[in-house]
Amino acid sequence: MRKLILDLDKMKTQAEAHKYLGKTLEFPDYYGENLDALYDCLGDIGTPTIITVSPKLGAKEYLGSYGERMLKVFRLAAEQNSFLQVEIK
């Protein structure tokens, strides 16, 4: 099982966050670096994976309301993909 803990210090802007996620989660080169593309790529994960994300992602010093929406995308993707588990802690 693959276990990943996301480093919020690498996710202080939307662009940084998507670049970091694309590299860390090994998304394909065509990853669109937006929330729709994030949802799609999380849905394509085909090996058991646990991603730990801090709820601080939605804090002002990180991504604020965009981070809150990103956390929701992680939750929704985990509900739809049996290979994906997301821990928000």
N, C-alpha and C. Protein backbone atom coordinates (compact mmCIF):
# COMPACT_ATOMS: atom_id res chain seq x y z
N MET A 1 0.85 -1.18 0.00
CA MET A 1 0.00 0.00 0.00
C MET A 1 0.89 1.24 0.00
N ARG A 2 0.53 2.18 -0.82
CA ARG A 2 1.26 3.45 -0.90
C ARG A 2 0.67 4.42 0.12
N LYS A 3 1.54 5.05 0.91
CA LYS A 3 1.10 6.02 1.91
C LYS A 3 1.83 7.33 1.67
N LEU A 4 1.06 8.40 1.55
CA LEU A 4 1.62 9.72 1.28
C LEU A 4 1.09 10.72 2.29
N ILE A 5 1.97 11.55 2.80
CA ILE A 5 1.59 12.67 3.66
C ILE A 5 1.93 13.93 2.90
N LEU A 6 0.93 14.73 2.58
CA LEU A 6 1.18 15.93 1.79
C LEU A 6 1.85 17.01 2.63
N ASP A 7 2.84 17.66 2.05
CA ASP A 7 3.62 18.72 2.70
C ASP A 7 3.01 20.07 2.33
N LEU A 8 2.29 20.67 3.27
CA LEU A 8 1.62 21.94 2.99
C LEU A 8 2.57 23.07 2.66
N ASP A 9 3.80 23.00 3.11
CA ASP A 9 4.75 24.06 2.78
C ASP A 9 5.05 24.12 1.28
N LYS A 10 4.68 23.10 0.57
CA LYS A 10 4.86 23.07 -0.89
C LYS A 10 3.55 23.38 -1.61
N MET A 11 2.55 23.85 -0.85
CA MET A 11 1.23 24.08 -1.42
C MET A 11 0.66 25.43 -0.99
N LYS A 12 1.45 26.49 -1.11
CA LYS A 12 1.00 27.80 -0.63
C LYS A 12 0.29 28.63 -1.70
N THR A 13 0.38 28.21 -2.94
CA THR A 13 -0.40 28.85 -4.01
C THR A 13 -1.07 27.73 -4.81
N GLN A 14 -2.06 28.09 -5.58
CA GLN A 14 -2.75 27.08 -6.39
C GLN A 14 -1.77 26.41 -7.35
N ALA A 15 -0.94 27.21 -8.01
CA ALA A 15 0.02 26.65 -8.97
C ALA A 15 1.00 25.71 -8.28
N GLU A 16 1.55 26.14 -7.13
CA GLU A 16 2.48 25.29 -6.39
C GLU A 16 1.80 23.99 -5.97
N ALA A 17 0.57 24.10 -5.49
CA ALA A 17 -0.16 22.93 -5.02
C ALA A 17 -0.34 21.91 -6.14
N HIS A 18 -0.76 22.36 -7.30
CA HIS A 18 -1.01 21.43 -8.40
C HIS A 18 0.29 20.84 -8.94
N LYS A 19 1.33 21.63 -9.01
CA LYS A 19 2.64 21.09 -9.45
C LYS A 19 3.10 20.01 -8.47
N TYR A 20 3.01 20.32 -7.18
CA TYR A 20 3.43 19.38 -6.15
C TYR A 20 2.59 18.11 -6.19
N LEU A 21 1.27 18.25 -6.28
CA LEU A 21 0.40 17.08 -6.32
C LEU A 21 0.68 16.23 -7.56
N GLY A 22 0.85 16.88 -8.70
CA GLY A 22 1.13 16.13 -9.93
C GLY A 22 2.39 15.29 -9.81
N LYS A 23 3.43 15.88 -9.22
CA LYS A 23 4.69 15.16 -9.07
C LYS A 23 4.59 14.08 -7.98
N THR A 24 4.08 14.46 -6.82
CA THR A 24 4.02 13.55 -5.67
C THR A 24 3.10 12.35 -5.93
N LEU A 25 1.97 12.61 -6.56
CA LEU A 25 1.00 11.53 -6.82
C LEU A 25 1.23 10.85 -8.16
N GLU A 26 2.30 11.28 -8.86
CA GLU A 26 2.69 10.67 -10.13
C GLU A 26 1.57 10.71 -11.15
N PHE A 27 0.93 11.89 -11.26
CA PHE A 27 -0.13 12.06 -12.25
C PHE A 27 0.50 12.11 -13.64
N PRO A 28 -0.27 11.78 -14.67
CA PRO A 28 0.26 11.82 -16.04
C PRO A 28 0.59 13.25 -16.47
N ASP A 29 1.41 13.36 -17.50
CA ASP A 29 1.84 14.67 -18.00
C ASP A 29 0.66 15.55 -18.41
N TYR A 30 -0.45 14.96 -18.79
CA TYR A 30 -1.60 15.74 -19.23
C TYR A 30 -2.46 16.26 -18.07
N TYR A 31 -2.01 16.06 -16.83
CA TYR A 31 -2.75 16.57 -15.66
C TYR A 31 -3.00 18.06 -15.85
N GLY A 32 -4.26 18.46 -15.79
CA GLY A 32 -4.66 19.83 -16.10
C GLY A 32 -4.45 20.86 -15.02
N GLU A 33 -3.95 20.45 -13.86
CA GLU A 33 -3.63 21.36 -12.76
C GLU A 33 -4.81 22.26 -12.36
N ASN A 34 -5.96 21.65 -12.17
CA ASN A 34 -7.14 22.33 -11.63
C ASN A 34 -7.93 21.30 -10.82
N LEU A 35 -8.97 21.72 -10.16
CA LEU A 35 -9.70 20.81 -9.27
C LEU A 35 -10.42 19.69 -10.03
N ASP A 36 -10.93 19.98 -11.21
CA ASP A 36 -11.57 18.92 -12.00
C ASP A 36 -10.56 17.86 -12.40
N ALA A 37 -9.39 18.30 -12.83
CA ALA A 37 -8.33 17.36 -13.21
C ALA A 37 -7.84 16.57 -11.99
N LEU A 38 -7.77 17.23 -10.85
CA LEU A 38 -7.38 16.54 -9.62
C LEU A 38 -8.36 15.42 -9.31
N TYR A 39 -9.64 15.72 -9.37
CA TYR A 39 -10.66 14.70 -9.12
C TYR A 39 -10.52 13.53 -10.09
N ASP A 40 -10.34 13.85 -11.37
CA ASP A 40 -10.21 12.80 -12.38
C ASP A 40 -8.99 11.92 -12.12
N CYS A 41 -7.85 12.53 -11.82
CA CYS A 41 -6.63 11.75 -11.61
C CYS A 41 -6.68 10.95 -10.30
N LEU A 42 -7.29 11.52 -9.27
CA LEU A 42 -7.47 10.74 -8.04
C LEU A 42 -8.37 9.54 -8.31
N GLY A 43 -9.35 9.72 -9.17
CA GLY A 43 -10.24 8.62 -9.52
C GLY A 43 -9.56 7.53 -10.32
N ASP A 44 -8.46 7.88 -10.98
CA ASP A 44 -7.72 6.90 -11.79
C ASP A 44 -6.70 6.10 -11.00
N ILE A 45 -6.49 6.44 -9.73
CA ILE A 45 -5.53 5.69 -8.91
C ILE A 45 -6.01 4.24 -8.83
N GLY A 46 -5.13 3.32 -9.20
CA GLY A 46 -5.53 1.92 -9.29
C GLY A 46 -4.81 0.99 -8.33
N THR A 47 -4.02 1.56 -7.42
CA THR A 47 -3.36 0.75 -6.40
C THR A 47 -3.75 1.32 -5.04
N PRO A 48 -3.84 0.48 -4.02
CA PRO A 48 -4.23 0.98 -2.71
C PRO A 48 -3.32 2.12 -2.25
N THR A 49 -3.94 3.24 -1.94
CA THR A 49 -3.21 4.45 -1.60
C THR A 49 -3.91 5.18 -0.47
N ILE A 50 -3.12 5.60 0.51
CA ILE A 50 -3.63 6.45 1.59
C ILE A 50 -2.93 7.80 1.46
N ILE A 51 -3.72 8.85 1.37
CA ILE A 51 -3.18 10.21 1.32
C ILE A 51 -3.62 10.93 2.58
N THR A 52 -2.65 11.46 3.32
CA THR A 52 -2.95 12.23 4.52
C THR A 52 -2.80 13.71 4.19
N VAL A 53 -3.85 14.46 4.46
CA VAL A 53 -3.89 15.89 4.17
C VAL A 53 -4.26 16.63 5.45
N SER A 54 -3.55 17.69 5.74
CA SER A 54 -3.89 18.50 6.91
C SER A 54 -5.10 19.38 6.60
N PRO A 55 -6.01 19.53 7.56
CA PRO A 55 -7.14 20.44 7.35
C PRO A 55 -6.68 21.89 7.22
N LYS A 56 -5.43 22.17 7.59
CA LYS A 56 -4.88 23.52 7.46
C LYS A 56 -4.78 23.95 6.00
N LEU A 57 -4.94 23.03 5.07
CA LEU A 57 -4.89 23.37 3.65
C LEU A 57 -5.87 24.50 3.34
N GLY A 58 -6.99 24.53 4.05
CA GLY A 58 -7.99 25.57 3.83
C GLY A 58 -7.72 26.85 4.60
N ALA A 59 -6.61 26.93 5.32
CA ALA A 59 -6.27 28.13 6.08
C ALA A 59 -5.78 29.24 5.16
N LYS A 60 -5.95 30.46 5.61
CA LYS A 60 -5.57 31.63 4.81
C LYS A 60 -4.11 31.59 4.36
N GLU A 61 -3.21 31.14 5.24
CA GLU A 61 -1.79 31.13 4.89
C GLU A 61 -1.44 30.08 3.84
N TYR A 62 -2.36 29.20 3.56
CA TYR A 62 -2.15 28.24 2.49
C TYR A 62 -3.09 28.61 1.34
N LEU A 63 -4.15 27.90 1.14
CA LEU A 63 -4.98 28.15 -0.04
C LEU A 63 -6.37 28.70 0.27
N GLY A 64 -6.69 28.93 1.53
CA GLY A 64 -7.97 29.53 1.86
C GLY A 64 -9.16 28.76 1.31
N SER A 65 -10.08 29.46 0.69
CA SER A 65 -11.30 28.81 0.19
C SER A 65 -10.99 27.81 -0.93
N TYR A 66 -9.93 28.06 -1.69
CA TYR A 66 -9.54 27.10 -2.73
C TYR A 66 -9.09 25.80 -2.07
N GLY A 67 -8.36 25.92 -0.96
CA GLY A 67 -7.93 24.74 -0.21
C GLY A 67 -9.10 23.96 0.36
N GLU A 68 -10.12 24.68 0.81
CA GLU A 68 -11.33 24.01 1.31
C GLU A 68 -11.98 23.21 0.19
N ARG A 69 -12.04 23.79 -0.99
CA ARG A 69 -12.62 23.07 -2.13
C ARG A 69 -11.74 21.88 -2.52
N MET A 70 -10.43 22.05 -2.40
CA MET A 70 -9.50 20.96 -2.71
C MET A 70 -9.70 19.80 -1.72
N LEU A 71 -9.87 20.12 -0.44
CA LEU A 71 -10.15 19.08 0.55
C LEU A 71 -11.42 18.32 0.19
N LYS A 72 -12.43 19.04 -0.26
CA LYS A 72 -13.68 18.40 -0.67
C LYS A 72 -13.45 17.46 -1.85
N VAL A 73 -12.61 17.88 -2.79
CA VAL A 73 -12.29 17.02 -3.94
C VAL A 73 -11.62 15.74 -3.46
N PHE A 74 -10.69 15.85 -2.54
CA PHE A 74 -10.04 14.65 -2.00
C PHE A 74 -11.07 13.72 -1.37
N ARG A 75 -11.98 14.28 -0.57
CA ARG A 75 -13.01 13.46 0.09
C ARG A 75 -13.91 12.77 -0.94
N LEU A 76 -14.38 13.54 -1.92
CA LEU A 76 -15.29 12.98 -2.93
C LEU A 76 -14.60 11.89 -3.75
N ALA A 77 -13.36 12.12 -4.11
CA ALA A 77 -12.63 11.12 -4.90
C ALA A 77 -12.46 9.83 -4.11
N ALA A 78 -12.18 9.96 -2.81
CA ALA A 78 -12.03 8.76 -1.97
C ALA A 78 -13.34 8.00 -1.84
N GLU A 79 -14.46 8.71 -1.85
CA GLU A 79 -15.76 8.04 -1.78
C GLU A 79 -16.03 7.23 -3.05
N GLN A 80 -15.50 7.68 -4.17
CA GLN A 80 -15.77 7.03 -5.45
C GLN A 80 -14.73 5.98 -5.85
N ASN A 81 -13.52 6.08 -5.32
CA ASN A 81 -12.44 5.18 -5.71
C ASN A 81 -12.09 4.27 -4.54
N SER A 82 -12.36 2.99 -4.69
CA SER A 82 -12.12 2.05 -3.60
C SER A 82 -10.62 1.84 -3.31
N PHE A 83 -9.75 2.25 -4.23
CA PHE A 83 -8.32 2.14 -3.99
C PHE A 83 -7.75 3.31 -3.20
N LEU A 84 -8.54 4.35 -3.04
CA LEU A 84 -8.06 5.58 -2.43
C LEU A 84 -8.70 5.80 -1.06
N GLN A 85 -7.85 6.11 -0.09
CA GLN A 85 -8.30 6.49 1.23
C GLN A 85 -7.65 7.83 1.55
N VAL A 86 -8.45 8.78 1.99
CA VAL A 86 -7.94 10.09 2.34
C VAL A 86 -8.17 10.33 3.82
N GLU A 87 -7.11 10.69 4.50
CA GLU A 87 -7.19 11.02 5.93
C GLU A 87 -6.96 12.52 6.05
N ILE A 88 -7.90 13.21 6.63
CA ILE A 88 -7.73 14.63 6.84
C ILE A 88 -7.50 14.82 8.34
N LYS A 89 -6.21 15.02 8.67
CA LYS A 89 -5.83 15.15 10.08
C LYS A 89 -4.51 15.87 10.22
